[in-house]
């Protein structure tokens, strides 16, 4: 059966250093196995700004209605 060089390397490394498996479990628990605070996540989502679609160019400004006095001037002209 074919075994890649990377697979062989990792297998041999684990055979030579059996303590690595325990260190892997400790590192996983340190970085990944954490309790999730749902209330904190909810607050974070509420205050987070929306992500812009494309960072290199600004989004077009929304069109605002003309002030009422500008509309009156254009009708009288």
N, C-alpha and C. Protein backbone atom coordinates (compact mmCIF):
# COMPACT_ATOMS: atom_id res chain seq x y z
N UNK A 1 0.84 -1.18 0.00
CA UNK A 1 0.00 0.00 0.00
C UNK A 1 0.89 1.24 0.00
N UNK A 2 0.48 2.26 -0.74
CA UNK A 2 1.25 3.49 -0.86
C UNK A 2 1.14 4.29 0.44
N UNK A 3 2.26 4.87 0.85
CA UNK A 3 2.29 5.74 2.01
C UNK A 3 3.15 6.95 1.64
N UNK A 4 2.59 8.12 1.76
CA UNK A 4 3.33 9.33 1.36
C UNK A 4 4.49 9.59 2.31
N UNK A 5 5.41 10.42 1.85
CA UNK A 5 6.57 10.76 2.67
C UNK A 5 6.14 11.49 3.94
N UNK A 6 5.15 12.32 3.82
CA UNK A 6 4.67 13.07 4.99
C UNK A 6 4.06 12.11 6.01
N UNK A 7 3.26 11.17 5.55
CA UNK A 7 2.65 10.20 6.44
C UNK A 7 3.73 9.37 7.13
N UNK A 8 4.72 8.95 6.40
CA UNK A 8 5.83 8.19 7.00
C UNK A 8 6.54 9.02 8.06
N UNK A 9 6.80 10.28 7.73
CA UNK A 9 7.49 11.15 8.67
C UNK A 9 6.70 11.29 9.97
N UNK A 10 5.40 11.56 9.85
CA UNK A 10 4.58 11.75 11.05
C UNK A 10 4.49 10.45 11.85
N UNK A 11 4.30 9.33 11.18
CA UNK A 11 4.22 8.05 11.89
C UNK A 11 5.52 7.78 12.65
N UNK A 12 6.66 7.98 11.99
CA UNK A 12 7.95 7.75 12.64
C UNK A 12 8.18 8.73 13.78
N UNK A 13 7.79 9.96 13.59
CA UNK A 13 7.93 10.97 14.64
C UNK A 13 7.13 10.57 15.87
N UNK A 14 5.89 10.11 15.67
CA UNK A 14 5.05 9.70 16.79
C UNK A 14 5.60 8.45 17.48
N UNK A 15 6.21 7.56 16.71
CA UNK A 15 6.80 6.36 17.31
C UNK A 15 8.02 6.72 18.17
N UNK A 16 8.82 7.66 17.70
CA UNK A 16 10.02 8.07 18.43
C UNK A 16 9.70 8.96 19.63
N UNK A 17 8.60 9.69 19.54
CA UNK A 17 8.22 10.65 20.60
C UNK A 17 6.77 10.42 21.03
N UNK A 18 6.51 9.38 21.81
CA UNK A 18 5.11 9.08 22.18
C UNK A 18 4.46 10.17 23.05
N UNK A 19 5.27 11.01 23.70
CA UNK A 19 4.70 12.08 24.52
C UNK A 19 4.02 13.16 23.68
N UNK A 20 4.27 13.20 22.38
CA UNK A 20 3.66 14.22 21.52
C UNK A 20 2.13 14.10 21.48
N UNK A 21 1.62 12.88 21.59
CA UNK A 21 0.17 12.69 21.54
C UNK A 21 -0.50 13.41 22.71
N UNK A 22 0.10 13.30 23.90
CA UNK A 22 -0.46 13.99 25.07
C UNK A 22 -0.33 15.51 24.91
N UNK A 23 0.77 15.97 24.37
CA UNK A 23 0.95 17.41 24.14
C UNK A 23 -0.07 17.93 23.12
N UNK A 24 -0.39 17.12 22.14
CA UNK A 24 -1.42 17.51 21.15
C UNK A 24 -2.77 17.70 21.84
N UNK A 25 -3.12 16.76 22.73
CA UNK A 25 -4.40 16.86 23.43
C UNK A 25 -4.44 18.12 24.31
N UNK A 26 -3.33 18.42 25.00
CA UNK A 26 -3.28 19.62 25.84
C UNK A 26 -3.43 20.88 25.00
N UNK A 27 -2.74 20.93 23.87
CA UNK A 27 -2.82 22.11 23.00
C UNK A 27 -4.23 22.27 22.44
N UNK A 28 -4.87 21.17 22.10
CA UNK A 28 -6.24 21.25 21.59
C UNK A 28 -7.16 21.82 22.65
N UNK A 29 -7.03 21.33 23.87
CA UNK A 29 -7.91 21.84 24.92
C UNK A 29 -7.62 23.30 25.22
N UNK A 30 -6.38 23.72 25.08
CA UNK A 30 -6.03 25.12 25.35
C UNK A 30 -6.63 26.04 24.30
N UNK A 31 -6.64 25.63 23.04
CA UNK A 31 -7.08 26.52 21.97
C UNK A 31 -8.51 26.29 21.51
N UNK A 32 -9.02 25.07 21.60
CA UNK A 32 -10.31 24.78 20.96
C UNK A 32 -11.41 24.39 21.92
N UNK A 33 -11.11 23.63 22.93
CA UNK A 33 -12.16 23.11 23.81
C UNK A 33 -12.50 24.14 24.89
N UNK A 34 -13.33 25.11 24.53
CA UNK A 34 -13.71 26.17 25.45
C UNK A 34 -15.23 26.26 25.51
N UNK A 35 -15.70 26.71 26.67
CA UNK A 35 -17.13 26.93 26.81
C UNK A 35 -17.50 28.21 26.08
N UNK A 36 -18.63 28.19 25.41
CA UNK A 36 -19.08 29.33 24.61
C UNK A 36 -20.08 30.13 25.43
N UNK A 37 -19.83 31.43 25.55
CA UNK A 37 -20.75 32.33 26.23
C UNK A 37 -21.68 32.92 25.17
N UNK A 38 -22.89 32.41 25.09
CA UNK A 38 -23.84 32.83 24.05
C UNK A 38 -24.24 34.29 24.20
N UNK A 39 -24.35 34.78 25.43
CA UNK A 39 -24.72 36.17 25.66
C UNK A 39 -23.61 37.10 25.15
N UNK A 40 -22.37 36.75 25.38
CA UNK A 40 -21.25 37.56 24.90
C UNK A 40 -21.21 37.56 23.37
N UNK A 41 -21.47 36.42 22.75
CA UNK A 41 -21.51 36.36 21.29
C UNK A 41 -22.62 37.22 20.73
N UNK A 42 -23.78 37.23 21.40
CA UNK A 42 -24.91 38.04 20.94
C UNK A 42 -24.55 39.53 21.00
N UNK A 43 -23.92 39.96 22.10
CA UNK A 43 -23.52 41.37 22.23
C UNK A 43 -22.50 41.74 21.17
N UNK A 44 -21.57 40.85 20.90
CA UNK A 44 -20.55 41.10 19.88
C UNK A 44 -21.19 41.29 18.51
N UNK A 45 -22.15 40.46 18.17
CA UNK A 45 -22.80 40.58 16.86
C UNK A 45 -23.61 41.87 16.75
N UNK A 46 -24.18 42.32 17.87
CA UNK A 46 -24.98 43.54 17.84
C UNK A 46 -24.14 44.78 17.53
N UNK A 47 -22.93 44.85 18.06
CA UNK A 47 -22.11 46.05 17.90
C UNK A 47 -21.16 45.97 16.72
N UNK A 48 -21.07 44.84 16.09
CA UNK A 48 -20.14 44.65 14.97
C UNK A 48 -20.62 45.40 13.74
N UNK A 49 -19.71 46.10 13.08
CA UNK A 49 -20.06 46.81 11.85
C UNK A 49 -20.23 45.81 10.72
N UNK A 50 -21.12 46.10 9.76
CA UNK A 50 -21.26 45.20 8.62
C UNK A 50 -19.97 45.21 7.77
N UNK A 51 -19.66 44.08 7.21
CA UNK A 51 -18.46 43.95 6.39
C UNK A 51 -18.73 44.54 5.01
N UNK A 52 -17.81 45.37 4.56
CA UNK A 52 -17.96 45.96 3.23
C UNK A 52 -17.68 44.90 2.18
N UNK A 53 -18.30 45.04 1.04
CA UNK A 53 -18.15 44.06 -0.01
C UNK A 53 -16.77 44.02 -0.63
N UNK A 54 -16.17 45.18 -0.82
CA UNK A 54 -14.88 45.22 -1.48
C UNK A 54 -14.07 46.33 -0.82
N UNK A 55 -12.94 46.00 -0.26
CA UNK A 55 -12.18 46.94 0.55
C UNK A 55 -11.45 48.02 -0.24
N UNK A 56 -11.13 47.77 -1.47
CA UNK A 56 -10.29 48.70 -2.22
C UNK A 56 -11.03 49.90 -2.77
N UNK A 57 -12.31 49.81 -2.91
CA UNK A 57 -13.11 50.92 -3.40
C UNK A 57 -14.22 51.19 -2.41
N UNK A 58 -14.52 52.44 -2.16
CA UNK A 58 -15.60 52.74 -1.21
C UNK A 58 -16.96 52.36 -1.79
N UNK A 59 -17.87 52.05 -0.91
CA UNK A 59 -19.23 51.77 -1.35
C UNK A 59 -19.87 53.06 -1.85
N UNK A 60 -20.75 52.98 -2.83
CA UNK A 60 -21.42 54.21 -3.28
C UNK A 60 -22.30 54.76 -2.16
N UNK A 61 -22.33 56.06 -2.07
CA UNK A 61 -23.15 56.71 -1.05
C UNK A 61 -24.62 56.53 -1.41
N UNK A 62 -25.48 56.30 -0.43
CA UNK A 62 -26.91 56.18 -0.74
C UNK A 62 -27.45 57.53 -1.20
N UNK A 63 -28.36 57.51 -2.17
CA UNK A 63 -28.94 58.76 -2.68
C UNK A 63 -29.91 59.31 -1.65
N UNK A 64 -29.71 60.59 -1.36
CA UNK A 64 -30.56 61.25 -0.39
C UNK A 64 -31.53 62.16 -1.14
N UNK A 65 -32.74 62.27 -0.65
CA UNK A 65 -33.68 63.17 -1.33
C UNK A 65 -33.21 64.62 -1.19
N UNK A 66 -33.48 65.41 -2.20
CA UNK A 66 -33.10 66.82 -2.18
C UNK A 66 -33.91 67.54 -1.11
N UNK A 67 -33.31 68.54 -0.47
CA UNK A 67 -34.07 69.29 0.53
C UNK A 67 -35.26 69.99 -0.12
N UNK A 68 -36.32 70.24 0.62
CA UNK A 68 -37.55 70.83 0.05
C UNK A 68 -37.30 72.16 -0.65
N UNK A 69 -36.43 73.02 -0.14
CA UNK A 69 -36.22 74.33 -0.78
C UNK A 69 -35.53 74.18 -2.13
N UNK A 70 -34.75 73.12 -2.34
CA UNK A 70 -34.11 72.90 -3.64
C UNK A 70 -35.16 72.49 -4.68
N UNK A 71 -36.16 71.76 -4.26
CA UNK A 71 -37.21 71.35 -5.18
C UNK A 71 -38.06 72.55 -5.60
N UNK A 72 -38.30 73.48 -4.67
CA UNK A 72 -39.09 74.68 -4.98
C UNK A 72 -38.37 75.56 -5.98
N UNK A 73 -37.02 75.70 -5.83
CA UNK A 73 -36.25 76.55 -6.73
C UNK A 73 -36.27 75.99 -8.15
N UNK A 74 -36.19 74.66 -8.29
CA UNK A 74 -36.17 74.07 -9.63
C UNK A 74 -37.52 74.20 -10.31
N UNK A 75 -38.60 74.26 -9.56
CA UNK A 75 -39.93 74.42 -10.16
C UNK A 75 -40.17 75.84 -10.62
N UNK A 76 -39.60 76.81 -9.94
CA UNK A 76 -39.82 78.22 -10.30
C UNK A 76 -38.93 78.65 -11.46
N UNK A 77 -37.88 77.95 -11.74
CA UNK A 77 -36.95 78.36 -12.80
C UNK A 77 -37.44 78.01 -14.17
